[in-house]
């Protein structure tokens, strides 16, 4: 039962990090915390059933978590290189056109 409380705590921390933080790197860490909490929930609940499904779910959860991390890190690197900004609110201002710079496709001739 202690693992369930730990995974629920991690789930809450991940959601609060997604809602409060503005830095792309901190959002990445929050998503990783959420993925860890989901993995713990899958393994915990499958081990309570007494079947041999927990090992399969663990491998599936780790591979899915690795794919999510790779995609998010690649997006983080692409956004940082293209725009030079790491704050989500600054990127949103650029999208609306209220920021200093415009996206290349929106530039006027």
C-alpha atoms as a PDB file:
ATOM      1  CA  UNK A   1       0.000   0.000   0.000  1.00  0.00           C
ATOM      2  CA  UNK A   2       2.971   2.320   0.552  1.00  0.00           C
ATOM      3  CA  UNK A   3       3.879   2.068  -3.135  1.00  0.00           C
ATOM      4  CA  UNK A   4       0.409   3.216  -4.108  1.00  0.00           C
ATOM      5  CA  UNK A   5       0.791   6.332  -1.963  1.00  0.00           C
ATOM      6  CA  UNK A   6       4.213   6.955  -3.481  1.00  0.00           C
ATOM      7  CA  UNK A   7       2.907   6.655  -7.027  1.00  0.00           C
ATOM      8  CA  UNK A   8      -0.049   8.927  -6.271  1.00  0.00           C
ATOM      9  CA  UNK A   9       2.342  11.476  -4.766  1.00  0.00           C
ATOM     10  CA  UNK A  10       4.525  11.320  -7.877  1.00  0.00           C
ATOM     11  CA  UNK A  11       1.435  11.691 -10.039  1.00  0.00           C
ATOM     12  CA  UNK A  12       0.417  14.810  -8.136  1.00  0.00           C
ATOM     13  CA  UNK A  13       3.915  16.272  -8.354  1.00  0.00           C
ATOM     14  CA  UNK A  14       4.020  15.642 -12.095  1.00  0.00           C
ATOM     15  CA  UNK A  15       0.653  17.285 -12.721  1.00  0.00           C
ATOM     16  CA  UNK A  16       1.501  20.278 -10.556  1.00  0.00           C
ATOM     17  CA  UNK A  17       4.803  20.669 -12.386  1.00  0.00           C
ATOM     18  CA  UNK A  18       2.985  20.670 -15.726  1.00  0.00           C
ATOM     19  CA  UNK A  19       0.532  23.305 -14.563  1.00  0.00           C
ATOM     20  CA  UNK A  20       2.946  25.634 -12.753  1.00  0.00           C
ATOM     21  CA  UNK A  21       6.324  25.508 -14.523  1.00  0.00           C
ATOM     22  CA  UNK A  22       7.161  27.557 -17.627  1.00  0.00           C
ATOM     23  CA  UNK A  23      10.602  26.235 -18.563  1.00  0.00           C
ATOM     24  CA  UNK A  24      10.695  23.515 -21.219  1.00  0.00           C
ATOM     25  CA  UNK A  25      13.246  21.519 -19.250  1.00  0.00           C
ATOM     26  CA  UNK A  26      11.116  21.595 -16.094  1.00  0.00           C
ATOM     27  CA  UNK A  27       8.106  20.500 -18.118  1.00  0.00           C
ATOM     28  CA  UNK A  28      10.193  17.591 -19.449  1.00  0.00           C
ATOM     29  CA  UNK A  29      11.070  16.583 -15.897  1.00  0.00           C
ATOM     30  CA  UNK A  30       7.385  16.784 -14.913  1.00  0.00           C
ATOM     31  CA  UNK A  31       6.436  14.502 -17.806  1.00  0.00           C
ATOM     32  CA  UNK A  32       9.121  12.046 -16.742  1.00  0.00           C
ATOM     33  CA  UNK A  33       7.738  12.060 -13.186  1.00  0.00           C
ATOM     34  CA  UNK A  34       4.261  11.374 -14.587  1.00  0.00           C
ATOM     35  CA  UNK A  35       5.589   8.480 -16.667  1.00  0.00           C
ATOM     36  CA  UNK A  36       7.341   7.015 -13.624  1.00  0.00           C
ATOM     37  CA  UNK A  37       4.145   7.244 -11.591  1.00  0.00           C
ATOM     38  CA  UNK A  38       2.182   5.530 -14.356  1.00  0.00           C
ATOM     39  CA  UNK A  39       4.790   2.763 -14.574  1.00  0.00           C
ATOM     40  CA  UNK A  40       4.619   2.236 -10.828  1.00  0.00           C
ATOM     41  CA  UNK A  41       0.818   2.049 -10.978  1.00  0.00           C
ATOM     42  CA  UNK A  42       0.858  -0.536 -13.782  1.00  0.00           C
ATOM     43  CA  UNK A  43       3.394  -2.736 -12.046  1.00  0.00           C
ATOM     44  CA  UNK A  44       1.755  -2.418  -8.628  1.00  0.00           C
ATOM     45  CA  UNK A  45      -1.741  -3.183  -9.842  1.00  0.00           C
ATOM     46  CA  UNK A  46      -0.605  -6.068 -12.029  1.00  0.00           C
ATOM     47  CA  UNK A  47       1.395  -7.610  -9.179  1.00  0.00           C
ATOM     48  CA  UNK A  48      -1.685  -7.495  -6.954  1.00  0.00           C
ATOM     49  CA  UNK A  49      -3.569  -9.715  -9.396  1.00  0.00           C
ATOM     50  CA  UNK A  50      -1.017 -12.507  -8.940  1.00  0.00           C
ATOM     51  CA  UNK A  51      -0.476 -13.118 -12.649  1.00  0.00           C
ATOM     52  CA  UNK A  52       2.794 -13.030 -14.555  1.00  0.00           C
ATOM     53  CA  UNK A  53       1.634  -9.946 -16.382  1.00  0.00           C
ATOM     54  CA  UNK A  54       3.685  -7.523 -14.298  1.00  0.00           C
ATOM     55  CA  UNK A  55       6.971  -8.267 -16.092  1.00  0.00           C
ATOM     56  CA  UNK A  56       5.345  -7.718 -19.473  1.00  0.00           C
ATOM     57  CA  UNK A  57       3.817  -4.448 -18.370  1.00  0.00           C
ATOM     58  CA  UNK A  58       7.145  -3.341 -16.926  1.00  0.00           C
ATOM     59  CA  UNK A  59       8.959  -3.907 -20.225  1.00  0.00           C
ATOM     60  CA  UNK A  60       6.162  -2.180 -22.128  1.00  0.00           C
ATOM     61  CA  UNK A  61       6.146   0.777 -19.744  1.00  0.00           C
ATOM     62  CA  UNK A  62       9.925   1.229 -19.885  1.00  0.00           C
ATOM     63  CA  UNK A  63      10.004   1.101 -23.669  1.00  0.00           C
ATOM     64  CA  UNK A  64       7.119   3.569 -23.926  1.00  0.00           C
ATOM     65  CA  UNK A  65       8.788   5.880 -21.408  1.00  0.00           C
ATOM     66  CA  UNK A  66      12.024   5.784 -23.386  1.00  0.00           C
ATOM     67  CA  UNK A  67      10.211   6.672 -26.624  1.00  0.00           C
ATOM     68  CA  UNK A  68       8.384   9.557 -24.937  1.00  0.00           C
ATOM     69  CA  UNK A  69      11.649  10.878 -23.512  1.00  0.00           C
ATOM     70  CA  UNK A  70      13.389  10.721 -26.888  1.00  0.00           C
ATOM     71  CA  UNK A  71      10.593  12.599 -28.664  1.00  0.00           C
ATOM     72  CA  UNK A  72      10.337  15.290 -25.992  1.00  0.00           C
ATOM     73  CA  UNK A  73      14.112  15.795 -25.845  1.00  0.00           C
ATOM     74  CA  UNK A  74      14.327  16.105 -29.628  1.00  0.00           C
ATOM     75  CA  UNK A  75      11.511  18.681 -29.626  1.00  0.00           C
ATOM     76  CA  UNK A  76      13.259  20.569 -26.824  1.00  0.00           C
ATOM     77  CA  UNK A  77      16.507  20.699 -28.781  1.00  0.00           C
ATOM     78  CA  UNK A  78      14.752  21.781 -31.992  1.00  0.00           C
ATOM     79  CA  UNK A  79      12.835  24.598 -30.282  1.00  0.00           C
ATOM     80  CA  UNK A  80      15.924  25.782 -28.406  1.00  0.00           C
ATOM     81  CA  UNK A  81      18.017  25.885 -31.575  1.00  0.00           C
ATOM     82  CA  UNK A  82      15.378  27.488 -33.791  1.00  0.00           C
ATOM     83  CA  UNK A  83      13.978  30.133 -31.462  1.00  0.00           C
ATOM     84  CA  UNK A  84      16.629  30.422 -28.764  1.00  0.00           C
ATOM     85  CA  UNK A  85      13.946  30.504 -26.070  1.00  0.00           C
ATOM     86  CA  UNK A  86      13.291  28.057 -23.274  1.00  0.00           C
ATOM     87  CA  UNK A  87      10.197  29.657 -21.752  1.00  0.00           C
ATOM     88  CA  UNK A  88       6.780  28.409 -22.846  1.00  0.00           C
ATOM     89  CA  UNK A  89       5.094  31.795 -22.386  1.00  0.00           C
ATOM     90  CA  UNK A  90       7.663  33.486 -24.654  1.00  0.00           C
ATOM     91  CA  UNK A  91       7.047  30.842 -27.304  1.00  0.00           C
ATOM     92  CA  UNK A  92       3.299  31.401 -27.028  1.00  0.00           C
ATOM     93  CA  UNK A  93       3.811  35.156 -27.462  1.00  0.00           C
ATOM     94  CA  UNK A  94       5.816  34.484 -30.612  1.00  0.00           C
ATOM     95  CA  UNK A  95       2.996  32.322 -31.973  1.00  0.00           C
ATOM     96  CA  UNK A  96       0.436  35.058 -31.355  1.00  0.00           C
ATOM     97  CA  UNK A  97       2.670  37.629 -32.999  1.00  0.00           C
ATOM     98  CA  UNK A  98       3.024  39.795 -29.889  1.00  0.00           C
ATOM     99  CA  UNK A  99       6.655  38.887 -29.286  1.00  0.00           C
ATOM    100  CA  UNK A 100       9.714  40.592 -30.718  1.00  0.00           C
ATOM    101  CA  UNK A 101      10.393  38.023 -33.397  1.00  0.00           C
ATOM    102  CA  UNK A 102       8.121  36.386 -35.908  1.00  0.00           C
ATOM    103  CA  UNK A 103       8.203  32.890 -37.219  1.00  0.00           C
ATOM    104  CA  UNK A 104       9.825  32.646 -40.679  1.00  0.00           C
ATOM    105  CA  UNK A 105       6.566  31.687 -42.384  1.00  0.00           C
ATOM    106  CA  UNK A 106       4.837  34.776 -40.944  1.00  0.00           C
ATOM    107  CA  UNK A 107       7.530  37.228 -42.024  1.00  0.00           C
ATOM    108  CA  UNK A 108       6.251  39.856 -44.412  1.00  0.00           C
ATOM    109  CA  UNK A 109       8.042  40.292 -47.799  1.00  0.00           C
END
